[in-house]
C-alpha atoms as a PDB file:
ATOM      1  CA  UNK A   1     -12.396  91.509  -0.313  1.00  0.00           C
ATOM      2  CA  UNK A   2     -14.856  88.820  -1.335  1.00  0.00           C
ATOM      3  CA  UNK A   3     -14.619  85.051  -0.821  1.00  0.00           C
ATOM      4  CA  UNK A   4     -16.771  82.385  -2.440  1.00  0.00           C
ATOM      5  CA  UNK A   5     -16.409  78.680  -1.737  1.00  0.00           C
ATOM      6  CA  UNK A   6     -18.219  75.389  -1.214  1.00  0.00           C
ATOM      7  CA  UNK A   7     -17.942  73.732   2.207  1.00  0.00           C
ATOM      8  CA  UNK A   8     -19.170  70.543   3.753  1.00  0.00           C
ATOM      9  CA  UNK A   9     -21.987  70.843   6.264  1.00  0.00           C
ATOM     10  CA  UNK A  10     -20.868  72.381   9.518  1.00  0.00           C
ATOM     11  CA  UNK A  11     -22.940  74.263  12.060  1.00  0.00           C
ATOM     12  CA  UNK A  12     -19.871  76.334  12.861  1.00  0.00           C
ATOM     13  CA  UNK A  13     -18.760  77.187   9.310  1.00  0.00           C
ATOM     14  CA  UNK A  14     -20.241  80.680   9.156  1.00  0.00           C
ATOM     15  CA  UNK A  15     -18.962  81.724  12.569  1.00  0.00           C
ATOM     16  CA  UNK A  16     -15.562  80.127  12.034  1.00  0.00           C
ATOM     17  CA  UNK A  17     -15.086  81.725   8.612  1.00  0.00           C
ATOM     18  CA  UNK A  18     -16.170  85.124   9.897  1.00  0.00           C
ATOM     19  CA  UNK A  19     -13.780  84.766  12.828  1.00  0.00           C
ATOM     20  CA  UNK A  20     -10.909  83.926  10.519  1.00  0.00           C
ATOM     21  CA  UNK A  21     -10.575  80.132  10.729  1.00  0.00           C
ATOM     22  CA  UNK A  22     -10.612  77.845   7.685  1.00  0.00           C
ATOM     23  CA  UNK A  23      -9.572  74.206   7.684  1.00  0.00           C
ATOM     24  CA  UNK A  24      -8.985  72.509   4.325  1.00  0.00           C
ATOM     25  CA  UNK A  25     -11.010  69.451   5.416  1.00  0.00           C
ATOM     26  CA  UNK A  26     -14.114  71.718   5.505  1.00  0.00           C
ATOM     27  CA  UNK A  27     -13.967  72.164   1.752  1.00  0.00           C
ATOM     28  CA  UNK A  28     -16.427  69.968  -0.105  1.00  0.00           C
ATOM     29  CA  UNK A  29     -15.038  66.734  -1.543  1.00  0.00           C
ATOM     30  CA  UNK A  30     -12.131  66.406   0.892  1.00  0.00           C
ATOM     31  CA  UNK A  31     -13.329  63.216   2.507  1.00  0.00           C
ATOM     32  CA  UNK A  32     -11.593  60.033   1.337  1.00  0.00           C
ATOM     33  CA  UNK A  33     -13.707  58.069  -1.115  1.00  0.00           C
ATOM     34  CA  UNK A  34     -13.397  55.526  -3.885  1.00  0.00           C
ATOM     35  CA  UNK A  35     -14.615  58.025  -6.515  1.00  0.00           C
ATOM     36  CA  UNK A  36     -11.035  59.070  -7.247  1.00  0.00           C
ATOM     37  CA  UNK A  37     -11.494  62.811  -6.742  1.00  0.00           C
ATOM     38  CA  UNK A  38      -8.458  64.980  -6.190  1.00  0.00           C
ATOM     39  CA  UNK A  39      -7.840  65.953  -2.565  1.00  0.00           C
ATOM     40  CA  UNK A  40      -6.578  69.497  -1.958  1.00  0.00           C
ATOM     41  CA  UNK A  41      -2.856  69.654  -1.478  1.00  0.00           C
ATOM     42  CA  UNK A  42      -1.253  71.657   1.315  1.00  0.00           C
ATOM     43  CA  UNK A  43      -0.718  74.530   0.768  1.00  0.00           C
ATOM     44  CA  UNK A  44      -3.921  74.914  -1.237  1.00  0.00           C
ATOM     45  CA  UNK A  45      -2.425  77.553  -3.552  1.00  0.00           C
ATOM     46  CA  UNK A  46       0.921  77.612  -5.333  1.00  0.00           C
ATOM     47  CA  UNK A  47       3.814  79.103  -3.339  1.00  0.00           C
ATOM     48  CA  UNK A  48       4.684  81.454  -6.213  1.00  0.00           C
ATOM     49  CA  UNK A  49       1.535  83.460  -5.398  1.00  0.00           C
ATOM     50  CA  UNK A  50       3.331  84.652  -2.276  1.00  0.00           C
ATOM     51  CA  UNK A  51       0.280  84.174  -0.019  1.00  0.00           C
ATOM     52  CA  UNK A  52       0.929  82.725   3.446  1.00  0.00           C
ATOM     53  CA  UNK A  53      -1.254  80.435   5.560  1.00  0.00           C
ATOM     54  CA  UNK A  54      -2.286  83.694   7.306  1.00  0.00           C
ATOM     55  CA  UNK A  55      -3.779  84.884   3.989  1.00  0.00           C
ATOM     56  CA  UNK A  56      -1.352  87.781   3.548  1.00  0.00           C
ATOM     57  CA  UNK A  57       1.226  88.497   0.879  1.00  0.00           C
ATOM     58  CA  UNK A  58       4.771  87.669   1.883  1.00  0.00           C
ATOM     59  CA  UNK A  59       7.976  88.619   0.132  1.00  0.00           C
ATOM     60  CA  UNK A  60       9.540  85.744  -1.753  1.00  0.00           C
ATOM     61  CA  UNK A  61      12.623  84.426   0.009  1.00  0.00           C
ATOM     62  CA  UNK A  62      15.711  84.181  -2.163  1.00  0.00           C
ATOM     63  CA  UNK A  63      18.143  81.558  -0.902  1.00  0.00           C
ATOM     64  CA  UNK A  64      21.728  82.639  -0.230  1.00  0.00           C
ATOM     65  CA  UNK A  65      24.177  80.781  -2.381  1.00  0.00           C
ATOM     66  CA  UNK A  66      27.888  80.539  -1.624  1.00  0.00           C
ATOM     67  CA  UNK A  67      30.115  81.313  -4.590  1.00  0.00           C
ATOM     68  CA  UNK A  68      31.275  78.210  -6.392  1.00  0.00           C
ATOM     69  CA  UNK A  69      33.164  77.471  -9.579  1.00  0.00           C
ATOM     70  CA  UNK A  70      29.855  77.556 -11.423  1.00  0.00           C
ATOM     71  CA  UNK A  71      28.600  80.924 -10.138  1.00  0.00           C
ATOM     72  CA  UNK A  72      24.892  81.464 -10.677  1.00  0.00           C
ATOM     73  CA  UNK A  73      23.836  84.540 -12.593  1.00  0.00           C
ATOM     74  CA  UNK A  74      21.377  87.003 -11.042  1.00  0.00           C
ATOM     75  CA  UNK A  75      18.703  85.770 -13.486  1.00  0.00           C
ATOM     76  CA  UNK A  76      19.248  82.192 -12.296  1.00  0.00           C
ATOM     77  CA  UNK A  77      18.974  83.284  -8.654  1.00  0.00           C
ATOM     78  CA  UNK A  78      15.677  85.069  -9.328  1.00  0.00           C
ATOM     79  CA  UNK A  79      14.262  81.911 -10.880  1.00  0.00           C
ATOM     80  CA  UNK A  80      15.281  79.788  -7.878  1.00  0.00           C
ATOM     81  CA  UNK A  81      12.222  78.674  -5.914  1.00  0.00           C
ATOM     82  CA  UNK A  82      12.119  77.982  -2.200  1.00  0.00           C
ATOM     83  CA  UNK A  83      10.525  74.594  -1.639  1.00  0.00           C
ATOM     84  CA  UNK A  84       8.623  74.037   1.589  1.00  0.00           C
ATOM     85  CA  UNK A  85       7.702  70.544   2.673  1.00  0.00           C
ATOM     86  CA  UNK A  86       3.950  69.944   2.844  1.00  0.00           C
ATOM     87  CA  UNK A  87       4.533  68.140   6.150  1.00  0.00           C
ATOM     88  CA  UNK A  88       5.559  71.466   7.711  1.00  0.00           C
ATOM     89  CA  UNK A  89       2.492  73.276   6.397  1.00  0.00           C
ATOM     90  CA  UNK A  90      -0.757  73.298   8.331  1.00  0.00           C
ATOM     91  CA  UNK A  91      -4.107  72.493   6.730  1.00  0.00           C
ATOM     92  CA  UNK A  92      -5.350  75.411   8.807  1.00  0.00           C
ATOM     93  CA  UNK A  93      -5.680  78.826   7.188  1.00  0.00           C
ATOM     94  CA  UNK A  94      -6.475  81.958   9.092  1.00  0.00           C
ATOM     95  CA  UNK A  95      -7.115  85.577   8.236  1.00  0.00           C
ATOM     96  CA  UNK A  96      -7.654  88.805  10.091  1.00  0.00           C
ATOM     97  CA  UNK A  97     -10.507  90.216   8.010  1.00  0.00           C
ATOM     98  CA  UNK A  98     -13.894  91.099   9.421  1.00  0.00           C
ATOM     99  CA  UNK A  99     -16.304  89.206   7.160  1.00  0.00           C
ATOM    100  CA  UNK A 100     -20.069  89.171   6.788  1.00  0.00           C
ATOM    101  CA  UNK A 101     -22.076  86.514   5.015  1.00  0.00           C
ATOM    102  CA  UNK A 102     -24.192  87.660   2.084  1.00  0.00           C
ATOM    103  CA  UNK A 103     -26.842  85.170   3.182  1.00  0.00           C
ATOM    104  CA  UNK A 104     -28.474  84.937   6.603  1.00  0.00           C
ATOM    105  CA  UNK A 105     -29.134  81.195   6.067  1.00  0.00           C
ATOM    106  CA  UNK A 106     -32.677  81.641   7.437  1.00  0.00           C
ATOM    107  CA  UNK A 107     -35.695  83.175   5.716  1.00  0.00           C
ATOM    108  CA  UNK A 108     -36.668  86.391   7.523  1.00  0.00           C
ATOM    109  CA  UNK A 109     -40.455  85.751   7.348  1.00  0.00           C
ATOM    110  CA  UNK A 110     -40.555  82.169   8.599  1.00  0.00           C
ATOM    111  CA  UNK A 111     -37.158  81.468  10.152  1.00  0.00           C
ATOM    112  CA  UNK A 112     -36.892  78.327   7.995  1.00  0.00           C
ATOM    113  CA  UNK A 113     -33.365  77.466   6.861  1.00  0.00           C
ATOM    114  CA  UNK A 114     -32.254  78.448   3.364  1.00  0.00           C
ATOM    115  CA  UNK A 115     -30.456  75.698   1.452  1.00  0.00           C
ATOM    116  CA  UNK A 116     -27.990  75.797  -1.416  1.00  0.00           C
ATOM    117  CA  UNK A 117     -28.192  72.111  -2.349  1.00  0.00           C
ATOM    118  CA  UNK A 118     -31.089  69.654  -2.201  1.00  0.00           C
ATOM    119  CA  UNK A 119     -30.841  66.066  -3.423  1.00  0.00           C
ATOM    120  CA  UNK A 120     -31.498  62.527  -2.204  1.00  0.00           C
ATOM    121  CA  UNK A 121     -28.660  62.661   0.357  1.00  0.00           C
ATOM    122  CA  UNK A 122     -29.232  66.067   1.957  1.00  0.00           C
ATOM    123  CA  UNK A 123     -30.734  69.541   1.774  1.00  0.00           C
ATOM    124  CA  UNK A 124     -28.288  71.967   3.395  1.00  0.00           C
ATOM    125  CA  UNK A 125     -26.233  75.118   2.926  1.00  0.00           C
ATOM    126  CA  UNK A 126     -22.760  74.334   1.598  1.00  0.00           C
ATOM    127  CA  UNK A 127     -22.109  77.406  -0.584  1.00  0.00           C
ATOM    128  CA  UNK A 128     -21.101  80.775   0.813  1.00  0.00           C
ATOM    129  CA  UNK A 129     -20.163  84.313  -0.210  1.00  0.00           C
ATOM    130  CA  UNK A 130     -18.361  86.363   2.426  1.00  0.00           C
ATOM    131  CA  UNK A 131     -17.331  89.986   2.056  1.00  0.00           C
ATOM    132  CA  UNK A 132     -15.349  92.457   4.130  1.00  0.00           C
ATOM    133  CA  UNK A 133     -17.210  94.598   6.606  1.00  0.00           C
ATOM    134  CA  UNK A 134     -16.179  96.805   9.476  1.00  0.00           C
ATOM    135  CA  UNK A 135     -16.389  95.084  12.869  1.00  0.00           C
ATOM    136  CA  UNK A 136     -19.036  97.405  14.279  1.00  0.00           C
ATOM    137  CA  UNK A 137     -21.235  96.916  11.205  1.00  0.00           C
ATOM    138  CA  UNK A 138     -20.863  93.115  11.202  1.00  0.00           C
ATOM    139  CA  UNK A 139     -23.073  92.972  14.323  1.00  0.00           C
ATOM    140  CA  UNK A 140     -26.039  94.178  12.242  1.00  0.00           C
ATOM    141  CA  UNK A 141     -26.486  90.620  11.017  1.00  0.00           C
ATOM    142  CA  UNK A 142     -25.734  88.570   7.922  1.00  0.00           C
ATOM    143  CA  UNK A 143     -27.227  89.843   4.684  1.00  0.00           C
ATOM    144  CA  UNK A 144     -28.015  93.281   6.111  1.00  0.00           C
ATOM    145  CA  UNK A 145     -26.960  96.301   4.091  1.00  0.00           C
ATOM    146  CA  UNK A 146     -23.679  97.400   5.547  1.00  0.00           C
ATOM    147  CA  UNK A 147     -22.300 100.846   4.837  1.00  0.00           C
ATOM    148  CA  UNK A 148     -18.532 100.701   4.707  1.00  0.00           C
ATOM    149  CA  UNK A 149     -15.903 103.376   4.633  1.00  0.00           C
ATOM    150  CA  UNK A 150     -13.490 102.233   1.968  1.00  0.00           C
ATOM    151  CA  UNK A 151     -15.106  98.809   1.559  1.00  0.00           C
ATOM    152  CA  UNK A 152     -17.908  96.834  -0.051  1.00  0.00           C
ATOM    153  CA  UNK A 153     -21.572  97.610   0.434  1.00  0.00           C
ATOM    154  CA  UNK A 154     -24.020  94.790  -0.220  1.00  0.00           C
ATOM    155  CA  UNK A 155     -26.704  96.151  -2.560  1.00  0.00           C
ATOM    156  CA  UNK A 156     -28.657  93.024  -3.498  1.00  0.00           C
ATOM    157  CA  UNK A 157     -28.545  89.244  -3.486  1.00  0.00           C
ATOM    158  CA  UNK A 158     -30.338  86.408  -5.200  1.00  0.00           C
ATOM    159  CA  UNK A 159     -32.834  84.847  -2.785  1.00  0.00           C
ATOM    160  CA  UNK A 160     -32.393  81.243  -1.736  1.00  0.00           C
ATOM    161  CA  UNK A 161     -35.126  78.669  -1.203  1.00  0.00           C
ATOM    162  CA  UNK A 162     -36.098  76.232   1.535  1.00  0.00           C
ATOM    163  CA  UNK A 163     -35.895  72.463   1.301  1.00  0.00           C
ATOM    164  CA  UNK A 164     -39.698  72.325   1.028  1.00  0.00           C
ATOM    165  CA  UNK A 165     -39.647  74.791  -1.900  1.00  0.00           C
ATOM    166  CA  UNK A 166     -37.089  72.687  -3.745  1.00  0.00           C
ATOM    167  CA  UNK A 167     -38.916  69.392  -3.215  1.00  0.00           C
ATOM    168  CA  UNK A 168     -41.983  70.883  -4.948  1.00  0.00           C
ATOM    169  CA  UNK A 169     -39.833  70.879  -8.127  1.00  0.00           C
ATOM    170  CA  UNK A 170     -38.250  67.462  -7.368  1.00  0.00           C
ATOM    171  CA  UNK A 171     -35.104  68.753  -5.659  1.00  0.00           C
ATOM    172  CA  UNK A 172     -31.882  69.469  -7.534  1.00  0.00           C
ATOM    173  CA  UNK A 173     -30.933  69.076 -10.317  1.00  0.00           C
ATOM    174  CA  UNK A 174     -34.234  69.516 -12.126  1.00  0.00           C
ATOM    175  CA  UNK A 175     -35.616  70.823 -15.428  1.00  0.00           C
ATOM    176  CA  UNK A 176     -35.083  74.437 -14.299  1.00  0.00           C
ATOM    177  CA  UNK A 177     -31.628  74.088 -12.713  1.00  0.00           C
ATOM    178  CA  UNK A 178     -29.100  71.628 -14.159  1.00  0.00           C
ATOM    179  CA  UNK A 179     -26.847  71.727 -11.082  1.00  0.00           C
ATOM    180  CA  UNK A 180     -27.361  70.168  -7.662  1.00  0.00           C
ATOM    181  CA  UNK A 181     -26.438  73.593  -6.201  1.00  0.00           C
ATOM    182  CA  UNK A 182     -28.465  76.786  -6.368  1.00  0.00           C
ATOM    183  CA  UNK A 183     -26.631  79.756  -7.863  1.00  0.00           C
ATOM    184  CA  UNK A 184     -25.415  82.443  -5.467  1.00  0.00           C
ATOM    185  CA  UNK A 185     -25.337  86.006  -6.676  1.00  0.00           C
ATOM    186  CA  UNK A 186     -24.580  89.250  -4.882  1.00  0.00           C
ATOM    187  CA  UNK A 187     -24.269  92.839  -6.044  1.00  0.00           C
ATOM    188  CA  UNK A 188     -21.812  95.126  -4.263  1.00  0.00           C
ATOM    189  CA  UNK A 189     -20.675  98.710  -4.499  1.00  0.00           C
ATOM    190  CA  UNK A 190     -17.105  99.634  -3.656  1.00  0.00           C
ATOM    191  CA  UNK A 191     -17.063 102.751  -1.512  1.00  0.00           C
ATOM    192  CA  UNK A 192     -13.801 104.624  -1.312  1.00  0.00           C
END
């Protein structure tokens, strides 16, 4: 399993995501503003995907219908959707996967923080790639090669830069990178 997403700055984001906690208000752009952006709805994915707030597949519930004069055909019953009120859904997602971050978020040589965005308002890490790892291997540290039995093995990743590195080319975006985010790239091997 691999997860990629953009989150607002949070010192706890890496630990919380690895431990299985995700709150929709962490996702970038979820603060109220006058810019008119679309706020994530709850649930954040369509119910017809069959994925619960615990990030697992669940069987679709088919409502029981009492026989009436206008009996529904089996085809009509299969098309019937169960609607769940957003008020009853939590903005909290959780999973039970053991995840490692592709990036350590600190350069190994200097200990300086890596950043994924750098502009006039901030220079921070807001982009992440997490992948599944066995619990005992997750302790080896983020970005370390992890040998998995029946899982993903991180083979390589695109290096990130520090804030100081990015300011030498006038931050982001610039003539070399048209986005205000650095690209993330990781190479994995699936071991069966």
